[in-house]
Amino acid sequence: EAARQAQDRALAAAREAFRAVIARAQPAEGAWQREAEAALAALRRTPGSETASTAAREQLASTYLDAAGRLIDEKRFTAAAQMLDKAEQFTPRSAALQAKRTQWTQASERNKAERAAEELAARVDAAKQRFGNEIRAGRFDRARSTLAELQKIAPRDDAFVVREGPAMLTDALVASAQARLKSGELAAAWQVVRSSSA
């Protein structure tokens, strides 16, 4: 009877030690991870702890899964993947783990697509800016080349690419040719006209 009471006390102490570690959970911290794993190992070594150890493993995995969920929401995908890997060590076939991995994959892919769209939008904006600068500088060949680039990378229904850019180029070419004609530079005016039809 005394041995049984001692075993019960040891089990209660080990469970309490594990609960205390979980209560101050910092799953992303290596020191806390080592402490949690040590507390779980101590619980598992305690005689009569099979049921308590299983529950503790699930609780530790759940702690890592909760952390992974927060990190996914914050778009910190590498750190979230590390938390998922930690959870997998304790409950490898858990439905909750599989659901969280699916959430991670979907959110990660969505984030990649958003970043790619943002990068493309930035490239388009930079090319539009460059086009405007080239028009103002009278560098019409370069402007034409930049407009061709825009037509490849911008959405097909982009008003600037479809209407505004070509109109700006045409207007600038006409204005340049007229200015040259007024100043008597017939050859230069003819060159501008020829380049506009190229």
N, C-alpha and C. Protein backbone atom coordinates (compact mmCIF):
# COMPACT_ATOMS: atom_id res chain seq x y z
N GLU A 1 0.83 -1.20 0.00
CA GLU A 1 0.00 0.00 0.00
C GLU A 1 0.87 1.26 0.00
N ALA A 2 1.92 1.24 0.79
CA ALA A 2 2.82 2.39 0.86
C ALA A 2 3.50 2.61 -0.49
N ALA A 3 3.88 1.51 -1.15
CA ALA A 3 4.52 1.61 -2.47
C ALA A 3 3.55 2.22 -3.48
N ARG A 4 2.29 1.80 -3.37
CA ARG A 4 1.27 2.34 -4.29
C ARG A 4 1.08 3.82 -4.06
N GLN A 5 1.05 4.25 -2.81
CA GLN A 5 0.88 5.67 -2.50
C GLN A 5 2.10 6.47 -3.00
N ALA A 6 3.27 5.91 -2.84
CA ALA A 6 4.49 6.58 -3.33
C ALA A 6 4.45 6.72 -4.85
N GLN A 7 3.98 5.67 -5.51
CA GLN A 7 3.87 5.72 -6.97
C GLN A 7 2.86 6.77 -7.39
N ASP A 8 1.72 6.83 -6.68
CA ASP A 8 0.70 7.84 -6.99
C ASP A 8 1.25 9.25 -6.80
N ARG A 9 2.02 9.44 -5.71
CA ARG A 9 2.59 10.76 -5.45
C ARG A 9 3.61 11.12 -6.54
N ALA A 10 4.42 10.16 -6.94
CA ALA A 10 5.43 10.41 -7.99
C ALA A 10 4.74 10.76 -9.32
N LEU A 11 3.67 10.04 -9.62
CA LEU A 11 2.93 10.31 -10.85
C LEU A 11 2.29 11.69 -10.81
N ALA A 12 1.69 12.03 -9.67
CA ALA A 12 1.05 13.35 -9.52
C ALA A 12 2.10 14.45 -9.66
N ALA A 13 3.28 14.24 -9.08
CA ALA A 13 4.34 15.24 -9.16
C ALA A 13 4.83 15.41 -10.60
N ALA A 14 4.98 14.29 -11.30
CA ALA A 14 5.45 14.35 -12.69
C ALA A 14 4.41 15.03 -13.58
N ARG A 15 3.14 14.71 -13.33
CA ARG A 15 2.06 15.36 -14.11
C ARG A 15 2.03 16.86 -13.83
N GLU A 16 2.18 17.23 -12.58
CA GLU A 16 2.17 18.65 -12.21
C GLU A 16 3.36 19.38 -12.82
N ALA A 17 4.52 18.74 -12.81
CA ALA A 17 5.72 19.36 -13.41
C ALA A 17 5.49 19.59 -14.91
N PHE A 18 4.89 18.61 -15.58
CA PHE A 18 4.61 18.77 -17.01
C PHE A 18 3.60 19.89 -17.23
N ARG A 19 2.52 19.91 -16.41
CA ARG A 19 1.50 20.97 -16.55
C ARG A 19 2.11 22.36 -16.35
N ALA A 20 3.05 22.47 -15.42
CA ALA A 20 3.69 23.77 -15.15
C ALA A 20 4.48 24.24 -16.37
N VAL A 21 5.15 23.30 -17.03
CA VAL A 21 5.91 23.66 -18.24
C VAL A 21 4.94 24.11 -19.34
N ILE A 22 3.86 23.38 -19.53
CA ILE A 22 2.87 23.73 -20.56
C ILE A 22 2.23 25.08 -20.25
N ALA A 23 2.02 25.37 -18.97
CA ALA A 23 1.37 26.63 -18.57
C ALA A 23 2.20 27.84 -18.98
N ARG A 24 3.51 27.68 -19.07
CA ARG A 24 4.36 28.81 -19.50
C ARG A 24 4.94 28.54 -20.89
N ALA A 25 4.12 27.99 -21.74
CA ALA A 25 4.56 27.56 -23.08
C ALA A 25 5.17 28.70 -23.89
N GLN A 26 6.32 28.40 -24.45
CA GLN A 26 7.00 29.26 -25.42
C GLN A 26 7.55 28.33 -26.50
N PRO A 27 6.65 27.78 -27.33
CA PRO A 27 7.03 26.70 -28.24
C PRO A 27 8.15 27.03 -29.21
N ALA A 28 8.33 28.29 -29.54
CA ALA A 28 9.37 28.64 -30.50
C ALA A 28 10.75 28.72 -29.86
N GLU A 29 10.81 28.69 -28.53
CA GLU A 29 12.08 28.80 -27.82
C GLU A 29 12.71 27.43 -27.60
N GLY A 30 13.93 27.28 -28.03
CA GLY A 30 14.63 26.00 -27.89
C GLY A 30 14.73 25.54 -26.44
N ALA A 31 14.97 26.49 -25.53
CA ALA A 31 15.09 26.13 -24.11
C ALA A 31 13.78 25.56 -23.59
N TRP A 32 12.67 26.18 -23.98
CA TRP A 32 11.37 25.68 -23.52
C TRP A 32 11.10 24.30 -24.14
N GLN A 33 11.44 24.12 -25.40
CA GLN A 33 11.23 22.82 -26.05
C GLN A 33 11.97 21.72 -25.31
N ARG A 34 13.23 22.01 -24.95
CA ARG A 34 14.02 21.00 -24.22
C ARG A 34 13.40 20.72 -22.85
N GLU A 35 12.92 21.77 -22.19
CA GLU A 35 12.29 21.61 -20.87
C GLU A 35 11.01 20.78 -20.97
N ALA A 36 10.20 21.07 -22.00
CA ALA A 36 8.95 20.33 -22.19
C ALA A 36 9.23 18.86 -22.49
N GLU A 37 10.21 18.61 -23.34
CA GLU A 37 10.55 17.23 -23.68
C GLU A 37 11.12 16.48 -22.46
N ALA A 38 11.89 17.19 -21.64
CA ALA A 38 12.44 16.57 -20.43
C ALA A 38 11.30 16.24 -19.44
N ALA A 39 10.34 17.16 -19.31
CA ALA A 39 9.21 16.92 -18.40
C ALA A 39 8.37 15.75 -18.91
N LEU A 40 8.19 15.65 -20.21
CA LEU A 40 7.44 14.53 -20.79
C LEU A 40 8.20 13.22 -20.56
N ALA A 41 9.51 13.25 -20.77
CA ALA A 41 10.32 12.05 -20.57
C ALA A 41 10.25 11.60 -19.11
N ALA A 42 10.31 12.55 -18.19
CA ALA A 42 10.23 12.21 -16.77
C ALA A 42 8.88 11.59 -16.45
N LEU A 43 7.82 12.13 -17.03
CA LEU A 43 6.48 11.57 -16.82
C LEU A 43 6.41 10.15 -17.37
N ARG A 44 6.98 9.94 -18.54
CA ARG A 44 6.93 8.61 -19.17
C ARG A 44 7.71 7.57 -18.37
N ARG A 45 8.77 8.02 -17.70
CA ARG A 45 9.57 7.09 -16.89
C ARG A 45 8.87 6.73 -15.57
N THR A 46 7.87 7.51 -15.20
CA THR A 46 7.18 7.27 -13.92
C THR A 46 6.27 6.05 -14.06
N PRO A 47 6.38 5.08 -13.15
CA PRO A 47 5.53 3.89 -13.23
C PRO A 47 4.04 4.28 -13.19
N GLY A 48 3.25 3.58 -14.02
CA GLY A 48 1.80 3.81 -14.06
C GLY A 48 1.40 5.05 -14.85
N SER A 49 2.30 5.56 -15.70
CA SER A 49 2.02 6.84 -16.38
C SER A 49 1.54 6.69 -17.82
N GLU A 50 1.19 5.47 -18.25
CA GLU A 50 0.87 5.26 -19.66
C GLU A 50 -0.22 6.22 -20.15
N THR A 51 -1.34 6.26 -19.44
CA THR A 51 -2.46 7.12 -19.84
C THR A 51 -2.07 8.59 -19.77
N ALA A 52 -1.42 8.96 -18.67
CA ALA A 52 -1.00 10.35 -18.49
C ALA A 52 0.03 10.76 -19.55
N SER A 53 0.91 9.84 -19.92
CA SER A 53 1.93 10.14 -20.93
C SER A 53 1.29 10.37 -22.30
N THR A 54 0.31 9.56 -22.63
CA THR A 54 -0.39 9.73 -23.91
C THR A 54 -1.07 11.09 -23.96
N ALA A 55 -1.77 11.44 -22.88
CA ALA A 55 -2.45 12.73 -22.81
C ALA A 55 -1.43 13.88 -22.89
N ALA A 56 -0.30 13.71 -22.22
CA ALA A 56 0.73 14.75 -22.23
C ALA A 56 1.32 14.93 -23.62
N ARG A 57 1.58 13.81 -24.32
CA ARG A 57 2.08 13.90 -25.70
C ARG A 57 1.10 14.67 -26.57
N GLU A 58 -0.19 14.36 -26.43
CA GLU A 58 -1.21 15.06 -27.22
C GLU A 58 -1.27 16.54 -26.85
N GLN A 59 -1.11 16.84 -25.56
CA GLN A 59 -1.14 18.24 -25.13
C GLN A 59 0.06 19.01 -25.67
N LEU A 60 1.21 18.38 -25.66
CA LEU A 60 2.41 19.03 -26.19
C LEU A 60 2.28 19.24 -27.70
N ALA A 61 1.78 18.24 -28.40
CA ALA A 61 1.55 18.39 -29.84
C ALA A 61 0.57 19.52 -30.11
N SER A 62 -0.49 19.58 -29.31
CA SER A 62 -1.50 20.63 -29.46
C SER A 62 -0.89 22.02 -29.24
N THR A 63 0.02 22.11 -28.29
CA THR A 63 0.71 23.39 -28.03
C THR A 63 1.50 23.82 -29.27
N TYR A 64 2.20 22.87 -29.88
CA TYR A 64 2.95 23.18 -31.09
C TYR A 64 2.01 23.52 -32.26
N LEU A 65 0.88 22.82 -32.36
CA LEU A 65 -0.08 23.10 -33.44
C LEU A 65 -0.69 24.49 -33.28
N ASP A 66 -1.00 24.87 -32.04
CA ASP A 66 -1.53 26.22 -31.80
C ASP A 66 -0.52 27.28 -32.21
N ALA A 67 0.74 27.04 -31.86
CA ALA A 67 1.81 27.98 -32.24
C ALA A 67 1.94 28.04 -33.76
N ALA A 68 1.85 26.88 -34.41
CA ALA A 68 1.94 26.85 -35.88
C ALA A 68 0.80 27.67 -36.49
N GLY A 69 -0.40 27.53 -35.94
CA GLY A 69 -1.53 28.30 -36.46
C GLY A 69 -1.30 29.80 -36.37
N ARG A 70 -0.78 30.25 -35.23
CA ARG A 70 -0.50 31.69 -35.08
C ARG A 70 0.57 32.14 -36.08
N LEU A 71 1.60 31.32 -36.24
CA LEU A 71 2.68 31.67 -37.17
C LEU A 71 2.19 31.69 -38.62
N ILE A 72 1.30 30.78 -38.96
CA ILE A 72 0.71 30.79 -40.31
C ILE A 72 -0.05 32.08 -40.53
N ASP A 73 -0.84 32.48 -39.53
CA ASP A 73 -1.61 33.73 -39.64
C ASP A 73 -0.68 34.94 -39.82
N GLU A 74 0.51 34.85 -39.21
CA GLU A 74 1.50 35.94 -39.31
C GLU A 74 2.36 35.81 -40.57
N LYS A 75 2.10 34.78 -41.39
CA LYS A 75 2.85 34.52 -42.63
C LYS A 75 4.32 34.22 -42.34
N ARG A 76 4.56 33.58 -41.21
CA ARG A 76 5.92 33.14 -40.86
C ARG A 76 5.98 31.64 -41.10
N PHE A 77 6.07 31.29 -42.38
CA PHE A 77 5.87 29.91 -42.80
C PHE A 77 7.01 28.97 -42.40
N THR A 78 8.24 29.44 -42.40
CA THR A 78 9.35 28.57 -42.00
C THR A 78 9.23 28.19 -40.53
N ALA A 79 8.96 29.18 -39.69
CA ALA A 79 8.79 28.92 -38.26
C ALA A 79 7.58 28.02 -38.02
N ALA A 80 6.50 28.24 -38.77
CA ALA A 80 5.30 27.41 -38.63
C ALA A 80 5.61 25.96 -39.00
N ALA A 81 6.38 25.76 -40.06
CA ALA A 81 6.75 24.40 -40.47
C ALA A 81 7.56 23.71 -39.38
N GLN A 82 8.41 24.46 -38.71
CA GLN A 82 9.19 23.88 -37.61
C GLN A 82 8.26 23.42 -36.47
N MET A 83 7.23 24.22 -36.18
CA MET A 83 6.27 23.83 -35.14
C MET A 83 5.48 22.58 -35.56
N LEU A 84 5.14 22.50 -36.82
CA LEU A 84 4.42 21.32 -37.32
C LEU A 84 5.31 20.07 -37.21
N ASP A 85 6.58 20.24 -37.52
CA ASP A 85 7.51 19.11 -37.40
C ASP A 85 7.64 18.66 -35.94
N LYS A 86 7.66 19.62 -35.02
CA LYS A 86 7.72 19.27 -33.60
C LYS A 86 6.46 18.52 -33.19
N ALA A 87 5.29 19.00 -33.62
CA ALA A 87 4.03 18.33 -33.28
C ALA A 87 4.04 16.90 -33.83
N GLU A 88 4.59 16.72 -35.01
CA GLU A 88 4.61 15.40 -35.64
C GLU A 88 5.43 14.39 -34.84
N GLN A 89 6.42 14.88 -34.12
CA GLN A 89 7.23 13.98 -33.29
C GLN A 89 6.37 13.30 -32.21
N PHE A 90 5.31 13.97 -31.78
CA PHE A 90 4.52 13.46 -30.67
C PHE A 90 3.21 12.79 -31.11
N THR A 91 2.63 13.26 -32.21
CA THR A 91 1.38 12.66 -32.71
C THR A 91 1.45 12.60 -34.24
N PRO A 92 2.25 11.68 -34.78
CA PRO A 92 2.50 11.66 -36.23
C PRO A 92 1.27 11.41 -37.10
N ARG A 93 0.28 10.72 -36.60
CA ARG A 93 -0.88 10.41 -37.44
C ARG A 93 -2.11 11.21 -37.03
N SER A 94 -1.91 12.29 -36.34
CA SER A 94 -3.02 13.10 -35.84
C SER A 94 -3.77 13.80 -36.97
N ALA A 95 -5.09 13.74 -36.90
CA ALA A 95 -5.92 14.45 -37.89
C ALA A 95 -5.71 15.95 -37.77
N ALA A 96 -5.53 16.43 -36.54
CA ALA A 96 -5.30 17.87 -36.32
C ALA A 96 -4.00 18.31 -36.99
N LEU A 97 -2.98 17.46 -36.92
CA LEU A 97 -1.70 17.76 -37.58
C LEU A 97 -1.89 17.84 -39.09
N GLN A 98 -2.59 16.86 -39.65
CA GLN A 98 -2.81 16.86 -41.10
C GLN A 98 -3.61 18.09 -41.55
N ALA A 99 -4.60 18.47 -40.75
CA ALA A 99 -5.40 19.66 -41.08
C ALA A 99 -4.54 20.92 -41.04
N LYS A 100 -3.66 20.99 -40.05
CA LYS A 100 -2.80 22.17 -39.93
C LYS A 100 -1.76 22.20 -41.05
N ARG A 101 -1.28 21.03 -41.47
CA ARG A 101 -0.34 20.98 -42.61
C ARG A 101 -1.05 21.46 -43.89
N THR A 102 -2.30 21.06 -44.06
CA THR A 102 -3.07 21.52 -45.22
C THR A 102 -3.24 23.04 -45.18
N GLN A 103 -3.56 23.55 -43.99
CA GLN A 103 -3.70 25.01 -43.82
C GLN A 103 -2.39 25.70 -44.17
N TRP A 104 -1.27 25.13 -43.70
CA TRP A 104 0.05 25.71 -43.98
C TRP A 104 0.30 25.75 -45.49
N THR A 105 0.03 24.62 -46.17
CA THR A 105 0.29 24.54 -47.61
C THR A 105 -0.54 25.58 -48.37
N GLN A 106 -1.83 25.65 -48.05
CA GLN A 106 -2.71 26.59 -48.74
C GLN A 106 -2.30 28.04 -48.49
N ALA A 107 -2.00 28.36 -47.24
CA ALA A 107 -1.61 29.74 -46.90
C ALA A 107 -0.27 30.09 -47.54
N SER A 108 0.66 29.15 -47.55
CA SER A 108 1.97 29.39 -48.14
C SER A 108 1.86 29.63 -49.65
N GLU A 109 1.06 28.80 -50.32
CA GLU A 109 0.87 28.98 -51.77
C GLU A 109 0.18 30.31 -52.06
N ARG A 110 -0.83 30.64 -51.26
CA ARG A 110 -1.54 31.92 -51.44
C ARG A 110 -0.57 33.09 -51.24
N ASN A 111 0.30 32.98 -50.24
CA ASN A 111 1.27 34.04 -49.98
C ASN A 111 2.26 34.18 -51.14
N LYS A 112 2.71 33.05 -51.69
CA LYS A 112 3.62 33.10 -52.84
C LYS A 112 2.95 33.79 -54.02
N ALA A 113 1.69 33.46 -54.26
CA ALA A 113 0.96 34.07 -55.38
C ALA A 113 0.79 35.57 -55.16
N GLU A 114 0.49 35.96 -53.92
CA GLU A 114 0.34 37.39 -53.62
C GLU A 114 1.66 38.12 -53.83
N ARG A 115 2.76 37.51 -53.37
CA ARG A 115 4.07 38.16 -53.54
C ARG A 115 4.44 38.27 -55.01
N ALA A 116 4.14 37.23 -55.79
CA ALA A 116 4.44 37.27 -57.22
C ALA A 116 3.62 38.37 -57.90
N ALA A 117 2.35 38.51 -57.51
CA ALA A 117 1.50 39.56 -58.09
C ALA A 117 2.02 40.94 -57.71
N GLU A 118 2.46 41.09 -56.44
CA GLU A 118 3.01 42.38 -56.00
C GLU A 118 4.29 42.72 -56.76
N GLU A 119 5.14 41.72 -56.96
CA GLU A 119 6.39 41.95 -57.69
C GLU A 119 6.11 42.33 -59.14
N LEU A 120 5.13 41.66 -59.76
CA LEU A 120 4.78 41.98 -61.14
C LEU A 120 4.21 43.39 -61.22
N ALA A 121 3.33 43.74 -60.27
CA ALA A 121 2.75 45.09 -60.26
C ALA A 121 3.85 46.14 -60.12
N ALA A 122 4.85 45.85 -59.28
CA ALA A 122 5.96 46.80 -59.11
C ALA A 122 6.76 46.93 -60.41
N ARG A 123 6.98 45.80 -61.10
CA ARG A 123 7.69 45.85 -62.39
C ARG A 123 6.92 46.67 -63.41
N VAL A 124 5.60 46.46 -63.44
CA VAL A 124 4.75 47.20 -64.38
C VAL A 124 4.81 48.69 -64.06
N ASP A 125 4.68 49.05 -62.78
CA ASP A 125 4.72 50.46 -62.38
C ASP A 125 6.06 51.09 -62.75
N ALA A 126 7.15 50.35 -62.51
CA ALA A 126 8.49 50.87 -62.84
C ALA A 126 8.63 51.07 -64.35
N ALA A 127 8.10 50.14 -65.13
CA ALA A 127 8.19 50.27 -66.60
C ALA A 127 7.35 51.46 -67.08
N LYS A 128 6.19 51.67 -66.48
CA LYS A 128 5.35 52.83 -66.86
C LYS A 128 6.09 54.13 -66.54
N GLN A 129 6.73 54.18 -65.39
CA GLN A 129 7.50 55.37 -65.00
C GLN A 129 8.65 55.60 -65.98
N ARG A 130 9.35 54.51 -66.32
CA ARG A 130 10.46 54.61 -67.26
C ARG A 130 9.96 55.10 -68.64
N PHE A 131 8.80 54.56 -69.06
CA PHE A 131 8.22 54.96 -70.33
C PHE A 131 7.96 56.47 -70.35
N GLY A 132 7.34 56.97 -69.28
CA GLY A 132 7.06 58.40 -69.20
C GLY A 132 8.33 59.24 -69.25
N ASN A 133 9.37 58.79 -68.55
CA ASN A 133 10.65 59.51 -68.55
C ASN A 133 11.27 59.51 -69.94
N GLU A 134 11.17 58.38 -70.63
CA GLU A 134 11.74 58.29 -71.98
C GLU A 134 10.99 59.20 -72.96
N ILE A 135 9.67 59.28 -72.82
CA ILE A 135 8.89 60.18 -73.68
C ILE A 135 9.32 61.63 -73.44
N ARG A 136 9.40 62.02 -72.15
CA ARG A 136 9.77 63.40 -71.81
C ARG A 136 11.18 63.73 -72.30
N ALA A 137 12.06 62.73 -72.32
CA ALA A 137 13.45 62.96 -72.76
C ALA A 137 13.59 62.86 -74.28
N GLY A 138 12.50 62.55 -74.98
CA GLY A 138 12.55 62.44 -76.43
C GLY A 138 13.27 61.19 -76.90
N ARG A 139 13.32 60.19 -76.06
CA ARG A 139 13.99 58.92 -76.42
C ARG A 139 12.91 57.94 -76.90
N PHE A 140 12.44 58.20 -78.09
CA PHE A 140 11.25 57.49 -78.58
C PHE A 140 11.50 56.02 -78.89
N ASP A 141 12.70 55.68 -79.37
CA ASP A 141 12.99 54.26 -79.63
C ASP A 141 12.96 53.47 -78.33
N ARG A 142 13.55 54.06 -77.29
CA ARG A 142 13.53 53.39 -75.99
C ARG A 142 12.10 53.30 -75.45
N ALA A 143 11.35 54.37 -75.62
CA ALA A 143 9.95 54.37 -75.15
C ALA A 143 9.15 53.28 -75.86
N ARG A 144 9.40 53.12 -77.16
CA ARG A 144 8.70 52.08 -77.92
C ARG A 144 9.06 50.69 -77.38
N SER A 145 10.35 50.51 -77.07
CA SER A 145 10.81 49.24 -76.52
C SER A 145 10.19 48.98 -75.13
N THR A 146 10.11 50.02 -74.33
CA THR A 146 9.51 49.88 -72.99
C THR A 146 8.03 49.57 -73.11
N LEU A 147 7.35 50.19 -74.06
CA LEU A 147 5.93 49.91 -74.27
C LEU A 147 5.73 48.45 -74.70
N ALA A 148 6.62 47.95 -75.54
CA ALA A 148 6.54 46.54 -75.96
C ALA A 148 6.73 45.62 -74.75
N GLU A 149 7.65 45.99 -73.86
CA GLU A 149 7.86 45.21 -72.64
C GLU A 149 6.60 45.23 -71.78
N LEU A 150 6.00 46.41 -71.64
CA LEU A 150 4.76 46.54 -70.86
C LEU A 150 3.65 45.67 -71.44
N GLN A 151 3.57 45.60 -72.76
CA GLN A 151 2.52 44.80 -73.39
C GLN A 151 2.69 43.31 -73.08
N LYS A 152 3.93 42.90 -72.77
CA LYS A 152 4.18 41.51 -72.43
C LYS A 152 3.87 41.21 -70.97
N ILE A 153 4.16 42.16 -70.07
CA ILE A 153 4.06 41.85 -68.64
C ILE A 153 2.80 42.38 -67.96
N ALA A 154 2.18 43.40 -68.52
CA ALA A 154 1.00 44.00 -67.87
C ALA A 154 -0.26 43.21 -68.22
N PRO A 155 -1.29 43.33 -67.38
CA PRO A 155 -2.56 42.69 -67.73
C PRO A 155 -3.05 43.19 -69.09
N ARG A 156 -3.70 42.32 -69.84
CA ARG A 156 -4.13 42.66 -71.20
C ARG A 156 -5.11 43.83 -71.25
N ASP A 157 -5.84 44.05 -70.14
CA ASP A 157 -6.83 45.13 -70.14
C ASP A 157 -6.33 46.39 -69.45
N ASP A 158 -5.01 46.49 -69.23
CA ASP A 158 -4.44 47.67 -68.58
C ASP A 158 -4.61 48.87 -69.51
N ALA A 159 -5.36 49.88 -69.04
CA ALA A 159 -5.70 51.05 -69.87
C ALA A 159 -4.44 51.78 -70.36
N PHE A 160 -3.43 51.83 -69.51
CA PHE A 160 -2.20 52.53 -69.90
C PHE A 160 -1.55 51.83 -71.09
N VAL A 161 -1.48 50.53 -71.03
CA VAL A 161 -0.82 49.76 -72.09
C VAL A 161 -1.65 49.74 -73.36
N VAL A 162 -2.97 49.64 -73.21
CA VAL A 162 -3.85 49.52 -74.37
C VAL A 162 -4.07 50.87 -75.07
N ARG A 163 -4.28 51.94 -74.29
CA ARG A 163 -4.63 53.23 -74.89
C ARG A 163 -3.67 54.36 -74.55
N GLU A 164 -3.44 54.59 -73.28
CA GLU A 164 -2.73 55.80 -72.85
C GLU A 164 -1.28 55.82 -73.32
N GLY A 165 -0.56 54.71 -73.14
CA GLY A 165 0.84 54.66 -73.54
C GLY A 165 1.02 54.88 -75.04
N PRO A 166 0.31 54.11 -75.88
CA PRO A 166 0.45 54.33 -77.33
C PRO A 166 0.06 55.76 -77.74
N ALA A 167 -0.98 56.32 -77.11
CA ALA A 167 -1.39 57.69 -77.43
C ALA A 167 -0.30 58.69 -77.03
N MET A 168 0.31 58.46 -75.86
CA MET A 168 1.40 59.35 -75.42
C MET A 168 2.55 59.31 -76.41
N LEU A 169 2.89 58.11 -76.88
CA LEU A 169 4.01 57.97 -77.82
C LEU A 169 3.68 58.65 -79.14
N THR A 170 2.48 58.42 -79.63
CA THR A 170 2.08 59.05 -80.90
C THR A 170 2.08 60.57 -80.78
N ASP A 171 1.46 61.07 -79.70
CA ASP A 171 1.40 62.53 -79.50
C ASP A 171 2.80 63.13 -79.40
N ALA A 172 3.69 62.44 -78.69
CA ALA A 172 5.05 62.95 -78.53
C ALA A 172 5.79 62.95 -79.87
N LEU A 173 5.59 61.91 -80.67
CA LEU A 173 6.24 61.85 -81.98
C LEU A 173 5.72 62.97 -82.90
N VAL A 174 4.41 63.17 -82.89
CA VAL A 174 3.82 64.24 -83.73
C VAL A 174 4.34 65.59 -83.28
N ALA A 175 4.36 65.83 -81.96
CA ALA A 175 4.83 67.11 -81.43
C ALA A 175 6.30 67.33 -81.79
N SER A 176 7.09 66.27 -81.71
CA SER A 176 8.51 66.39 -82.04
C SER A 176 8.70 66.71 -83.52
N ALA A 177 7.95 66.02 -84.37
CA ALA A 177 8.06 66.27 -85.82
C ALA A 177 7.62 67.69 -86.15
N GLN A 178 6.52 68.16 -85.54
CA GLN A 178 6.04 69.52 -85.80
C GLN A 178 7.07 70.56 -85.33
N ALA A 179 7.68 70.32 -84.17
CA ALA A 179 8.68 71.27 -83.66
C ALA A 179 9.86 71.34 -84.61
N ARG A 180 10.26 70.22 -85.18
CA ARG A 180 11.40 70.21 -86.11
C ARG A 180 11.03 70.92 -87.42
N LEU A 181 9.79 70.71 -87.88
CA LEU A 181 9.35 71.40 -89.09
C LEU A 181 9.35 72.91 -88.90
N LYS A 182 8.85 73.35 -87.75
CA LYS A 182 8.79 74.79 -87.47
C LYS A 182 10.18 75.41 -87.43
N SER A 183 11.14 74.65 -86.98
CA SER A 183 12.50 75.20 -86.88
C SER A 183 13.29 74.96 -88.17
N GLY A 184 12.63 74.41 -89.18
CA GLY A 184 13.27 74.25 -90.47
C GLY A 184 14.13 73.00 -90.59
N GLU A 185 14.03 72.11 -89.63
CA GLU A 185 14.84 70.88 -89.68
C GLU A 185 14.04 69.80 -90.41
N LEU A 186 13.97 69.92 -91.72
CA LEU A 186 13.15 69.00 -92.49
C LEU A 186 13.65 67.56 -92.41
N ALA A 187 14.94 67.37 -92.49
CA ALA A 187 15.49 66.00 -92.43
C ALA A 187 15.20 65.37 -91.08
N ALA A 188 15.36 66.15 -90.01
CA ALA A 188 15.10 65.63 -88.66
C ALA A 188 13.61 65.32 -88.49
N ALA A 189 12.75 66.19 -89.02
CA ALA A 189 11.30 65.95 -88.95
C ALA A 189 10.95 64.68 -89.71
N TRP A 190 11.54 64.53 -90.88
CA TRP A 190 11.27 63.32 -91.68
C TRP A 190 11.73 62.07 -90.93
N GLN A 191 12.87 62.15 -90.25
CA GLN A 191 13.40 61.02 -89.47
C GLN A 191 12.40 60.63 -88.36
N VAL A 192 11.83 61.63 -87.67
CA VAL A 192 10.85 61.37 -86.61
C VAL A 192 9.61 60.68 -87.19
N VAL A 193 9.14 61.18 -88.34
CA VAL A 193 7.97 60.59 -88.99
C VAL A 193 8.25 59.13 -89.39
N ARG A 194 9.41 58.90 -89.97
CA ARG A 194 9.78 57.53 -90.35
C ARG A 194 9.86 56.61 -89.15
N SER A 195 10.44 57.10 -88.02
CA SER A 195 10.55 56.25 -86.84
C SER A 195 9.18 55.97 -86.24
N SER A 196 8.24 56.89 -86.41
CA SER A 196 6.90 56.69 -85.84
C SER A 196 6.14 55.60 -86.58
N SER A 197 6.50 55.36 -87.84
CA SER A 197 5.80 54.32 -88.60
C SER A 197 6.51 52.98 -88.53
N ALA A 198 7.64 52.96 -87.84
CA ALA A 198 8.41 51.71 -87.75
C ALA A 198 7.74 50.73 -86.84
